[in-house]
Amino acid sequence: MKTIIIGSGYSGLNAYYEIKRDVKIVSLSNSFLFYTAYIRNLFDKKTRYLTELSFVSVDKIKDYDLKGKWVKGEKGEYIADNLIIAAGCDRNEQINFINKLFSKEEISLGSENELDDYLVIQLSFYFRKMGKKVKYGGNYLRYLGSNVEHVIREEMEKKGIKNTEKAEDILPFCKPSEPFQFFKVNEKLMFQNSFIIGDLISGFPKLGELAMRTGIYVGKMVKGIERKCFKPIFINIIDTGDSAIHIKSDKLWGGKIEIVKVSKIRQFMKRFIENYYILRKGKMGILYHL
């Protein structure tokens, strides 16, 4: 059975690696950009965030039909037995927003969508480490549990990041890559007759970790070794400057998991992850089981 994957980001690559046979991956670019490492590079200019992908077919998608399971690009039409849309978000507006903040000495950060607050919190720590006066206007990831909220609030207060009821610098929500949209998928990550994975799933935080897991899940579905419904979980490490906050929670989806820990070793873990995904060309591998 022929599988076509559209997109070579977190989710698309991990679906590709999982399926292995009779699969073609088509993307606007033949490189993988690890967004977490890219954001750090904006601050330290030392973090490698890009790696080339020789196995990706480059094409710009112009049209698609999820029921008929085909997409049409500038170079040709792709018809599949299994169509996986992993085109992701267009983050250019977010990147331009972050770059403009470097010229400001006082920053008051918030988000257009509360699911992006994890990124706003990370940016707050990065800018505070630079010596800028930073205020944060958000809910401290309250949707992940009261313990998560308490720890983040405490760590931000330690660094002198004050709370504000009304933030002035609002991180824009990423837009779906053209010509796609955000899709409300079922419990097996399907919309109509096709799979939707990664950042195009409506209502999911735009997390690399979560996107990779959707890719692996759908890869297993295609191979017929996964029958259960997808169980999302929020996993993220926030660098505070001298340590890191490690969050693992499924409370956003009505679950009971809520783990939050702060330590120096988790800061090293974040650095390791940033290098790992570039060396592995986006493949989650053993980190799926952590």
Protein backbone atom coordinates (compact mmCIF):
# COMPACT_ATOMS: atom_id res chain seq x y z
CA MET A 1 0.00 0.00 0.00
CA LYS A 2 1.37 3.42 -0.99
CA THR A 3 1.59 6.08 1.71
CA ILE A 4 2.12 9.76 0.96
CA ILE A 5 3.20 12.13 3.74
CA ILE A 6 2.94 15.88 3.21
CA GLY A 7 5.43 17.74 5.42
CA SER A 8 8.92 17.02 6.76
CA GLY A 9 8.60 18.47 10.24
CA TYR A 10 8.34 16.76 13.61
CA SER A 11 5.29 14.64 12.85
CA GLY A 12 5.86 13.89 9.17
CA LEU A 13 9.40 12.64 9.68
CA ASN A 14 8.47 10.35 12.54
CA ALA A 15 5.60 8.88 10.54
CA TYR A 16 8.04 8.32 7.66
CA TYR A 17 10.64 6.62 9.88
CA GLU A 18 7.98 4.42 11.46
CA ILE A 19 6.40 3.24 8.18
CA LYS A 20 9.72 2.69 6.34
CA ARG A 21 8.34 0.90 3.26
CA ASP A 22 6.17 2.06 0.36
CA VAL A 23 6.18 5.61 1.70
CA LYS A 24 6.98 8.92 0.04
CA ILE A 25 7.45 12.21 1.87
CA VAL A 26 6.79 15.48 0.05
CA SER A 27 7.59 18.88 1.52
CA LEU A 28 8.19 22.52 0.67
CA SER A 29 11.77 22.04 1.89
CA ASN A 30 14.26 19.16 2.06
CA SER A 31 15.56 20.23 5.46
CA PHE A 32 14.40 19.76 9.06
CA LEU A 33 14.31 22.80 11.33
CA PHE A 34 14.14 21.98 15.04
CA TYR A 35 12.14 24.96 16.30
CA THR A 36 13.18 24.58 19.96
CA ALA A 37 16.85 24.83 18.99
CA TYR A 38 16.09 27.65 16.54
CA ILE A 39 14.55 29.77 19.32
CA ARG A 40 17.63 29.25 21.50
CA ASN A 41 19.86 30.20 18.58
CA LEU A 42 18.14 33.58 18.42
CA PHE A 43 19.62 34.25 21.85
CA ASP A 44 23.03 32.53 21.86
CA LYS A 45 23.85 32.21 18.12
CA LYS A 46 25.57 28.89 18.84
CA THR A 47 22.83 26.26 18.65
CA ARG A 48 22.59 24.16 15.51
CA TYR A 49 18.97 23.90 14.43
CA LEU A 50 18.91 22.78 10.76
CA THR A 51 19.77 19.52 9.01
CA GLU A 52 19.36 18.37 5.41
CA LEU A 53 17.04 15.52 4.34
CA SER A 54 18.11 13.80 1.13
CA PHE A 55 15.05 11.52 1.02
CA VAL A 56 12.43 14.30 0.83
CA SER A 57 10.76 15.17 -2.50
CA VAL A 58 10.47 18.96 -2.75
CA ASP A 59 7.20 20.35 -4.07
CA LYS A 60 4.71 23.08 -3.19
CA ILE A 61 1.22 21.73 -2.61
CA LYS A 62 -1.52 23.74 -4.34
CA ASP A 63 -4.64 21.63 -3.82
CA TYR A 64 -5.84 18.51 -1.97
CA ASP A 65 -8.78 16.16 -1.44
CA LEU A 66 -8.84 14.29 1.86
CA LYS A 67 -11.75 12.07 0.82
CA GLY A 68 -10.10 11.08 -2.43
CA LYS A 69 -6.69 10.90 -0.73
CA TRP A 70 -4.74 12.98 -3.23
CA VAL A 71 -2.75 16.19 -3.26
CA LYS A 72 -1.64 18.27 -6.22
CA GLY A 73 1.67 20.11 -6.27
CA GLU A 74 3.48 22.35 -8.73
CA LYS A 75 5.50 19.34 -9.92
CA GLY A 76 2.81 16.70 -10.00
CA GLU A 77 -0.12 14.92 -8.42
CA TYR A 78 0.23 12.41 -5.58
CA ILE A 79 -2.40 9.73 -5.02
CA ALA A 80 -2.18 7.39 -2.03
CA ASP A 81 -3.77 4.46 -0.28
CA ASN A 82 -2.86 6.29 2.94
CA LEU A 83 -2.60 10.09 2.91
CA ILE A 84 -0.95 11.76 5.91
CA ILE A 85 -1.07 15.56 6.19
CA ALA A 86 1.76 16.86 8.35
CA ALA A 87 2.32 20.28 6.80
CA GLY A 88 2.54 22.07 10.15
CA CYS A 89 2.32 25.75 11.02
CA ASP A 90 3.75 28.80 9.34
CA ARG A 91 5.76 30.36 12.19
CA ASN A 92 7.21 33.34 10.30
CA GLU A 93 4.94 35.80 12.07
CA GLN A 94 6.00 34.42 15.46
CA ILE A 95 9.70 34.61 14.54
CA ASN A 96 9.35 38.21 13.34
CA PHE A 97 7.58 39.07 16.59
CA ILE A 98 10.38 37.56 18.70
CA ASN A 99 13.10 39.33 16.72
CA LYS A 100 11.43 42.70 17.29
CA LEU A 101 11.56 42.18 21.06
CA PHE A 102 15.37 42.29 21.09
CA SER A 103 15.27 46.06 20.57
CA LYS A 104 13.12 46.59 23.68
CA GLU A 105 14.44 46.96 27.23
CA GLU A 106 11.07 46.36 28.87
CA ILE A 107 8.92 43.50 27.67
CA SER A 108 5.38 42.54 28.66
CA LEU A 109 4.67 39.10 27.22
CA GLY A 110 1.41 37.34 26.55
CA SER A 111 -0.05 35.05 23.88
CA GLU A 112 -2.88 35.23 21.39
CA ASN A 113 -3.71 31.63 22.27
CA GLU A 114 -3.18 30.25 25.77
CA LEU A 115 -1.88 26.95 24.36
CA ASP A 116 1.23 28.90 23.29
CA ASP A 117 1.93 30.04 26.85
CA TYR A 118 4.70 27.46 27.28
CA LEU A 119 6.64 29.36 24.58
CA VAL A 120 5.84 32.75 26.11
CA ILE A 121 7.14 31.51 29.46
CA GLN A 122 10.34 30.21 27.86
CA LEU A 123 10.87 33.52 26.05
CA SER A 124 10.34 35.34 29.35
CA PHE A 125 13.20 33.40 30.95
CA TYR A 126 15.48 33.91 27.93
CA PHE A 127 14.90 37.67 27.80
CA ARG A 128 15.25 37.99 31.57
CA LYS A 129 18.63 36.24 31.37
CA MET A 130 19.67 38.95 28.89
CA GLY A 131 19.01 41.54 31.59
CA LYS A 132 15.75 42.89 30.20
CA LYS A 133 12.83 43.85 32.43
CA VAL A 134 10.17 41.23 31.76
CA LYS A 135 6.54 40.94 32.77
CA TYR A 136 4.31 37.99 32.02
CA GLY A 137 0.57 38.09 31.41
CA GLY A 138 -0.75 34.56 31.31
CA ASN A 139 -2.14 31.66 33.34
CA TYR A 140 1.17 29.87 34.15
CA LEU A 141 -0.05 26.76 32.25
CA ARG A 142 -2.89 26.31 34.71
CA TYR A 143 -4.61 23.97 32.24
CA LEU A 144 -1.87 21.41 32.97
CA GLY A 145 -2.67 21.32 36.70
CA SER A 146 -2.34 23.37 39.88
CA ASN A 147 1.12 21.97 40.71
CA VAL A 148 2.45 22.99 37.30
CA GLU A 149 0.98 26.47 37.76
CA HIS A 150 2.52 26.81 41.24
CA VAL A 151 6.02 25.73 40.21
CA ILE A 152 6.13 27.96 37.13
CA ARG A 153 4.83 30.96 39.07
CA GLU A 154 7.45 30.37 41.79
CA GLU A 155 10.34 29.99 39.32
CA MET A 156 9.34 33.13 37.41
CA GLU A 157 9.11 35.13 40.63
CA LYS A 158 12.60 33.95 41.62
CA LYS A 159 13.97 35.43 38.39
CA GLY A 160 12.14 38.72 38.89
CA ILE A 161 9.58 38.11 36.15
CA LYS A 162 6.53 39.94 37.43
CA ASN A 163 2.93 39.23 36.58
CA THR A 164 0.80 41.71 34.66
CA GLU A 165 -2.95 41.61 34.11
CA LYS A 166 -2.61 43.01 30.61
CA ALA A 167 0.39 42.11 28.47
CA GLU A 168 1.39 44.49 25.68
CA ASP A 169 3.61 42.20 23.58
CA ILE A 170 1.34 39.44 22.31
CA LEU A 171 2.82 36.36 20.63
CA PRO A 172 0.71 35.66 17.52
CA PHE A 173 -0.78 32.23 17.00
CA CYS A 174 0.86 30.30 14.17
CA LYS A 175 -1.14 29.93 10.98
CA PRO A 176 -1.67 26.64 9.10
CA SER A 177 0.66 26.17 6.16
CA GLU A 178 -1.09 26.89 2.86
CA PRO A 179 -3.27 25.51 1.40
CA PHE A 180 -4.25 23.61 4.55
CA GLN A 181 -6.27 24.48 7.64
CA PHE A 182 -6.52 23.30 11.23
CA PHE A 183 -8.54 20.07 11.38
CA LYS A 184 -10.67 18.68 14.20
CA VAL A 185 -9.64 15.03 14.07
CA ASN A 186 -11.22 11.95 15.61
CA GLU A 187 -9.59 9.78 18.28
CA LYS A 188 -7.50 8.03 15.65
CA LEU A 189 -6.23 11.32 14.20
CA MET A 190 -8.36 11.11 11.07
CA PHE A 191 -10.38 13.71 9.20
CA GLN A 192 -12.53 12.33 6.40
CA ASN A 193 -10.39 9.55 4.83
CA SER A 194 -6.95 10.92 5.70
CA PHE A 195 -4.67 11.23 8.71
CA ILE A 196 -3.88 14.65 10.17
CA ILE A 197 -0.84 14.89 12.46
CA GLY A 198 1.28 17.47 14.21
CA ASP A 199 0.47 21.15 14.40
CA LEU A 200 -2.53 20.99 12.07
CA ILE A 201 -4.59 19.23 14.76
CA SER A 202 -7.08 21.74 16.13
CA GLY A 203 -6.98 22.19 19.91
CA PHE A 204 -3.52 20.69 20.44
CA PRO A 205 -0.55 22.71 21.74
CA LYS A 206 2.00 23.21 18.95
CA LEU A 207 4.66 21.11 20.71
CA GLY A 208 7.41 19.22 18.90
CA GLU A 209 7.25 16.35 21.40
CA LEU A 210 3.52 15.92 20.92
CA ALA A 211 3.75 16.25 17.14
CA MET A 212 6.38 13.49 16.99
CA ARG A 213 4.14 11.19 18.98
CA THR A 214 1.25 11.76 16.57
CA GLY A 215 3.58 10.80 13.71
CA ILE A 216 4.71 7.59 15.38
CA TYR A 217 1.13 6.69 16.27
CA VAL A 218 -0.14 7.12 12.71
CA GLY A 219 2.88 5.24 11.37
CA LYS A 220 1.87 2.29 13.53
CA MET A 221 -1.75 2.66 12.39
CA VAL A 222 -0.65 2.44 8.75
CA LYS A 223 1.38 -0.70 9.52
CA GLY A 224 -1.59 -2.23 11.33
CA ILE A 225 0.18 -2.63 14.68
CA GLU A 226 -1.82 0.07 16.48
CA ARG A 227 -5.55 -0.26 17.14
CA LYS A 228 -6.15 1.91 20.19
CA CYS A 229 -7.11 5.59 20.17
CA PHE A 230 -4.37 8.20 20.41
CA LYS A 231 -3.62 9.43 23.93
CA PRO A 232 -2.06 12.91 23.87
CA ILE A 233 0.32 14.10 26.58
CA PHE A 234 2.02 17.45 27.13
CA ILE A 235 5.79 17.07 27.68
CA ASN A 236 8.08 20.09 27.71
CA ILE A 237 11.27 21.38 29.34
CA ILE A 238 11.49 25.10 30.11
CA ASP A 239 14.99 26.50 30.67
CA THR A 240 14.98 29.01 33.54
CA GLY A 241 18.59 30.13 33.10
CA ASP A 242 20.29 28.10 35.84
CA SER A 243 17.99 25.04 35.89
CA ALA A 244 14.94 23.74 34.02
CA ILE A 245 11.29 22.90 34.65
CA HIS A 246 10.28 19.49 33.28
CA ILE A 247 6.53 19.14 32.74
CA LYS A 248 4.51 16.04 31.93
CA SER A 249 0.72 16.27 32.02
CA ASP A 250 -2.40 15.01 30.26
CA LYS A 251 -4.86 17.12 32.25
CA LEU A 252 -5.58 19.27 29.22
CA TRP A 253 -7.36 16.19 27.80
CA GLY A 254 -9.09 15.17 31.04
CA GLY A 255 -6.35 12.83 32.28
CA LYS A 256 -4.77 12.44 35.72
CA ILE A 257 -1.04 12.70 34.97
CA GLU A 258 0.66 15.80 36.39
CA ILE A 259 4.41 15.67 36.97
CA VAL A 260 6.55 18.77 37.33
CA LYS A 261 10.18 18.81 38.46
CA VAL A 262 12.92 21.45 38.60
CA SER A 263 16.63 20.63 38.45
CA LYS A 264 19.94 21.53 36.86
CA ILE A 265 20.19 18.12 35.19
CA ARG A 266 16.99 18.84 33.25
CA GLN A 267 18.67 21.88 31.76
CA PHE A 268 21.42 19.58 30.45
CA MET A 269 18.68 17.24 29.19
CA LYS A 270 17.19 20.09 27.14
CA ARG A 271 20.62 20.81 25.60
CA PHE A 272 21.02 17.12 24.80
CA ILE A 273 17.60 17.00 23.12
CA GLU A 274 18.43 20.05 21.00
CA ASN A 275 21.51 18.30 19.62
CA TYR A 276 19.92 14.83 19.48
CA TYR A 277 17.15 15.74 17.05
CA ILE A 278 19.50 17.46 14.64
CA LEU A 279 21.90 14.49 14.63
CA ARG A 280 18.98 12.05 14.27
CA LYS A 281 17.34 14.15 11.53
CA GLY A 282 14.16 14.56 13.55
CA LYS A 283 13.76 10.93 14.58
CA MET A 284 12.38 10.53 18.10
CA GLY A 285 13.82 7.07 18.67
CA ILE A 286 14.47 6.13 22.29
CA LEU A 287 13.13 9.46 23.56
CA TYR A 288 9.63 8.18 22.77
CA HIS A 289 9.88 5.90 25.81
CA LEU A 290 11.09 8.53 28.31
